[in-house]
Protein backbone atom coordinates (compact mmCIF):
# COMPACT_ATOMS: atom_id res chain seq x y z
CA MET A 1 188.50 -162.53 156.21
CA LYS A 2 187.38 -160.63 153.23
CA LYS A 3 184.66 -163.20 152.66
CA VAL A 4 183.39 -162.67 156.20
CA ILE A 5 183.38 -158.85 155.77
CA THR A 6 181.75 -159.17 152.40
CA THR A 7 179.01 -161.15 153.72
CA THR A 8 178.44 -158.97 156.55
CA LEU A 9 178.28 -155.95 154.43
CA LEU A 10 175.92 -157.58 152.01
CA GLY A 11 173.66 -158.51 155.06
CA LEU A 12 173.51 -154.78 156.22
CA ILE A 13 172.64 -153.56 152.79
CA ILE A 14 169.60 -155.92 152.52
CA LEU A 15 168.73 -154.98 156.27
CA ALA A 16 168.67 -151.31 155.39
CA SER A 17 166.77 -151.75 152.02
CA ALA A 18 164.10 -153.72 154.03
CA CYS A 19 163.70 -151.04 156.69
CA THR A 20 163.67 -148.43 153.91
CA GLU A 21 160.65 -150.24 151.97
CA ASP A 22 158.98 -150.50 155.58
CA SER A 23 159.10 -146.67 156.09
CA LYS A 24 157.84 -146.21 152.45
CA THR A 25 154.75 -148.46 153.43
CA ILE A 26 154.06 -146.69 156.54
CA SER A 27 154.30 -143.34 155.08
CA THR A 28 151.94 -144.22 152.43
CA ASP A 29 149.39 -145.46 154.96
CA VAL A 30 149.77 -142.10 157.04
CA THR A 31 148.89 -140.06 153.70
CA THR A 32 145.98 -142.00 152.89
CA ASN A 33 144.28 -141.74 156.29
CA THR A 34 144.89 -138.05 156.21
CA GLN A 35 142.93 -137.83 153.28
CA ILE A 36 139.76 -139.76 154.48
CA LYS A 37 137.02 -137.28 155.29
CA SER A 38 133.50 -137.94 156.68
CA GLN A 39 130.86 -137.57 154.26
CA PRO A 40 127.99 -135.13 154.71
CA LYS A 41 124.37 -136.56 155.57
CA VAL A 42 121.78 -135.04 153.23
CA GLN A 43 118.43 -134.87 154.42
CA TYR A 44 115.30 -134.85 151.96
CA GLY A 45 112.28 -133.10 153.47
CA SER A 46 108.61 -134.25 152.56
CA PRO A 47 107.38 -132.91 149.30
CA ILE A 48 105.43 -129.90 148.92
CA ILE A 49 102.74 -129.52 146.36
CA ILE A 50 102.94 -126.50 143.91
CA HIS A 51 99.34 -126.19 143.25
CA LYS A 52 98.11 -125.62 139.35
CA THR A 53 101.43 -126.82 138.41
CA ASP A 54 103.07 -130.42 137.66
CA ILE A 55 105.81 -129.83 140.14
CA LEU A 56 106.68 -130.95 143.47
CA LEU A 57 109.30 -129.29 145.67
CA TYR A 58 111.65 -131.18 148.00
CA PRO A 59 113.55 -128.98 150.66
CA LEU A 60 117.01 -130.30 151.09
CA LYS A 61 118.94 -130.18 154.79
CA LEU A 62 122.42 -130.79 155.16
CA ASN A 63 124.09 -131.91 158.55
CA ASP A 64 127.88 -131.39 158.14
CA ASN A 65 129.77 -131.42 161.53
CA ASP A 66 133.16 -131.29 159.86
CA ASP A 67 134.90 -128.39 161.45
CA ASN A 68 137.76 -128.44 158.86
CA GLU A 69 135.79 -127.35 156.10
CA SER A 70 136.94 -123.90 154.76
CA TYR A 71 133.41 -122.88 154.24
CA LYS A 72 130.74 -124.03 156.58
CA ARG A 73 127.02 -123.89 156.09
CA GLU A 74 125.03 -123.49 159.43
CA VAL A 75 121.63 -125.17 158.48
CA SER A 76 120.42 -126.98 161.57
CA THR A 77 116.95 -125.62 160.99
CA ASN A 78 117.23 -124.20 157.37
CA HIS A 79 117.40 -125.41 153.95
CA TRP A 80 120.44 -125.08 151.69
CA ASN A 81 118.72 -126.14 148.40
CA LEU A 82 115.32 -127.17 146.87
CA ILE A 83 114.76 -129.79 144.29
CA PHE A 84 111.91 -129.30 141.77
CA TYR A 85 110.48 -132.58 140.53
CA ASN A 86 108.22 -132.57 137.36
CA ILE A 87 105.68 -135.33 137.75
CA ILE A 88 105.03 -135.60 133.97
CA SER A 89 108.57 -135.66 132.64
CA GLY A 90 110.26 -137.04 135.64
CA LYS A 91 112.83 -134.75 135.61
CA SER A 92 114.33 -133.26 138.85
CA GLU A 93 116.54 -130.27 139.02
CA LEU A 94 117.98 -128.26 141.77
CA LEU A 95 117.17 -124.54 142.30
CA THR A 96 120.81 -123.39 142.50
CA ASN A 97 124.73 -124.71 142.48
CA ALA A 98 125.48 -121.89 144.77
CA LYS A 99 126.32 -122.05 148.30
CA MET A 100 123.61 -120.63 150.40
CA ILE A 101 121.30 -120.85 153.23
CA ILE A 102 117.40 -120.57 152.46
CA ASN A 103 116.13 -119.12 155.64
CA SER A 104 112.49 -119.37 154.59
CA PHE A 105 110.49 -119.61 151.34
CA SER A 106 106.89 -119.08 150.49
CA ILE A 107 104.92 -119.99 147.35
CA GLY A 108 102.83 -117.22 145.83
CA HIS A 109 101.27 -114.61 147.97
CA SER A 110 100.83 -116.36 151.17
CA GLU A 111 98.26 -113.56 152.42
CA ASN A 112 95.86 -114.34 149.67
CA PRO A 113 92.82 -116.19 150.93
CA ASN A 114 91.97 -119.51 148.81
CA ASN A 115 88.68 -117.86 147.50
CA ARG A 116 90.35 -114.77 145.85
CA GLN A 117 91.47 -114.30 142.39
CA THR A 118 94.91 -115.36 141.32
CA THR A 119 97.26 -112.19 140.96
CA LEU A 120 100.74 -111.83 139.36
CA SER A 121 102.30 -112.27 142.71
CA ASP A 122 101.01 -115.95 142.79
CA GLN A 123 103.17 -116.86 140.09
CA PHE A 124 106.48 -116.54 142.20
CA ILE A 125 108.27 -118.39 144.93
CA TYR A 126 110.08 -115.91 147.38
CA TYR A 127 113.00 -116.68 149.07
CA ASP A 128 114.86 -115.09 152.13
CA ILE A 129 118.45 -116.28 151.81
CA THR A 130 121.69 -115.52 153.13
CA ASP A 131 124.32 -116.18 150.49
CA SER A 132 127.55 -114.06 151.52
CA ASP A 133 129.87 -114.20 154.34
CA ASN A 134 129.75 -110.53 155.16
CA ASP A 135 131.91 -110.58 158.65
CA GLY A 136 134.63 -112.93 157.38
CA ASP A 137 134.20 -115.82 159.58
CA LYS A 138 134.09 -118.45 156.83
CA LYS A 139 130.54 -119.29 157.91
CA LEU A 140 127.06 -118.50 156.80
CA THR A 141 125.32 -117.31 160.01
CA PRO A 142 122.38 -115.03 161.15
CA LYS A 143 124.86 -112.28 161.58
CA ASP A 144 125.14 -112.04 157.62
CA PRO A 145 123.00 -110.14 155.57
CA LYS A 146 119.79 -111.71 154.25
CA LYS A 147 118.38 -111.04 150.76
CA LEU A 148 115.12 -111.64 148.93
CA TYR A 149 115.22 -113.88 145.64
CA LEU A 150 112.58 -114.71 143.41
CA SER A 151 111.89 -117.65 140.82
CA ASN A 152 108.85 -118.87 138.75
CA LEU A 153 106.85 -121.81 140.18
CA GLN A 154 109.13 -124.20 138.58
CA GLY A 155 112.12 -122.84 140.03
CA LYS A 156 113.41 -121.11 136.98
CA SER A 157 114.65 -117.53 136.71
CA PHE A 158 116.11 -117.72 139.94
CA THR A 159 117.01 -114.01 140.77
CA ARG A 160 118.29 -111.76 143.57
CA ILE A 161 115.92 -108.68 143.66
CA SER A 162 117.15 -106.98 147.01
CA PRO A 163 120.49 -104.97 146.32
CA ASN A 164 123.81 -106.18 147.76
CA ASN A 165 125.22 -104.84 150.91
CA TYR A 166 121.86 -104.46 152.37
CA ASP A 167 120.05 -106.95 155.17
CA LEU A 168 116.52 -107.72 154.47
CA SER A 169 114.58 -106.54 157.58
CA SER A 170 111.12 -107.15 156.15
CA TRP A 171 109.15 -107.22 152.90
CA LYS A 172 105.42 -107.44 151.78
CA ILE A 173 103.42 -107.38 148.54
CA ASP A 174 101.23 -104.91 147.23
CA ASP A 175 98.99 -106.71 144.73
CA LYS A 176 97.17 -103.73 143.52
CA HIS A 177 100.38 -102.34 141.94
CA ASP A 178 102.22 -105.74 141.57
CA LEU A 179 104.97 -104.40 143.68
CA ILE A 180 107.17 -105.85 146.48
CA LEU A 181 108.01 -103.30 149.33
CA MET A 182 111.17 -103.95 151.07
CA ASP A 183 112.52 -102.64 154.28
CA LEU A 184 116.24 -102.83 153.99
CA ILE A 185 119.28 -102.08 156.74
CA LYS A 186 122.51 -100.64 155.43
CA ASP A 187 125.57 -101.10 157.07
CA SER A 188 125.94 -97.39 157.43
CA ASN A 189 128.79 -97.35 160.05
CA GLY A 190 130.94 -99.93 158.06
CA ASP A 191 131.26 -102.17 161.08
CA LYS A 192 130.13 -105.13 159.04
CA GLU A 193 127.13 -105.78 161.38
CA PHE A 194 123.43 -104.94 160.54
CA ASN A 195 121.73 -103.46 163.71
CA ASP A 196 119.72 -100.64 164.99
CA LYS A 197 122.86 -98.36 164.79
CA ASP A 198 122.42 -98.64 161.07
CA GLU A 199 120.17 -96.71 158.58
CA VAL A 200 116.93 -98.34 157.29
CA GLU A 201 116.08 -97.73 153.61
CA TYR A 202 113.02 -98.49 151.73
CA PHE A 203 112.87 -100.23 147.93
CA VAL A 204 110.17 -101.41 145.64
CA TYR A 205 110.43 -103.80 143.32
CA ASN A 206 108.10 -104.18 140.33
CA LEU A 207 106.95 -107.76 139.33
CA LYS A 208 105.84 -106.80 135.77
CA THR A 209 108.89 -104.71 134.80
CA GLY A 210 111.73 -106.24 137.03
CA VAL A 211 112.79 -102.86 138.06
CA LEU A 212 114.03 -101.84 141.65
CA LYS A 213 114.10 -98.35 143.03
CA ALA A 214 114.71 -96.82 146.03
CA VAL A 215 111.60 -94.99 147.46
CA PHE A 216 113.26 -91.71 148.93
CA ASP A 217 116.11 -90.10 146.74
CA GLN A 218 118.89 -88.03 148.59
CA LYS A 219 117.22 -84.76 148.17
CA ILE A 220 114.14 -85.70 150.20
CA LYS A 221 116.42 -87.40 152.83
CA ASP A 222 118.21 -84.16 153.33
CA GLU A 223 115.12 -82.31 153.40
CA ILE A 224 113.77 -84.61 156.14
CA LYS A 225 117.01 -84.34 158.14
CA ASN A 226 117.14 -80.83 158.07
CA LEU A 227 113.32 -80.56 159.20
CA ALA A 228 114.14 -82.97 161.99
CA LYS A 229 116.68 -80.57 163.41
CA LYS A 230 113.93 -77.96 163.62
CA VAL A 231 111.64 -80.25 165.31
CA LEU A 232 113.38 -82.44 167.47
């Protein structure tokens, strides 16, 4: 009888051990499956010739439909980076490693006719960029502020020139004085939105010196407000 009981007990132990091994195997498979993520599809745009240089510029688009990403780019019609390819050296370099949307960019002063003399403004690339999640929705969207960036024609010295906490409304170049004139919207009511309820402020950036300054100081602003009260 003891022998029968021992044999039965041994069989139960073996069966339990087999079930445990099966459970471990199933658990491992589930963990592996949860770690699999779809890879984003990177799209390369057609090359853009940067005249009077040895550089070709390739814009990059990204189709990323993974809603589980903690920080998502919305770039269905915009670019998220640029590749600068040197024809002579064969070397390729990205514009930046930062997360951003390039809403638009222009090479040189686009308003210059082809037959006019080259100016300082033609030595830069100008970028309208969204690079910060202002409203905290973990996405870069048109609701987030746009900023103005510059680089040289080789994609080097990539620098933001408009101040933080402002939205780029419009900008233009004053070739005579080597200036960029910017109209910027300040979130003056603190609602994390940039709209007609906020103030517009004006800045100039000197392409020669790299100095940014506000056009109107607080003294002239106060004077204008006091005068407006009398007139309006």
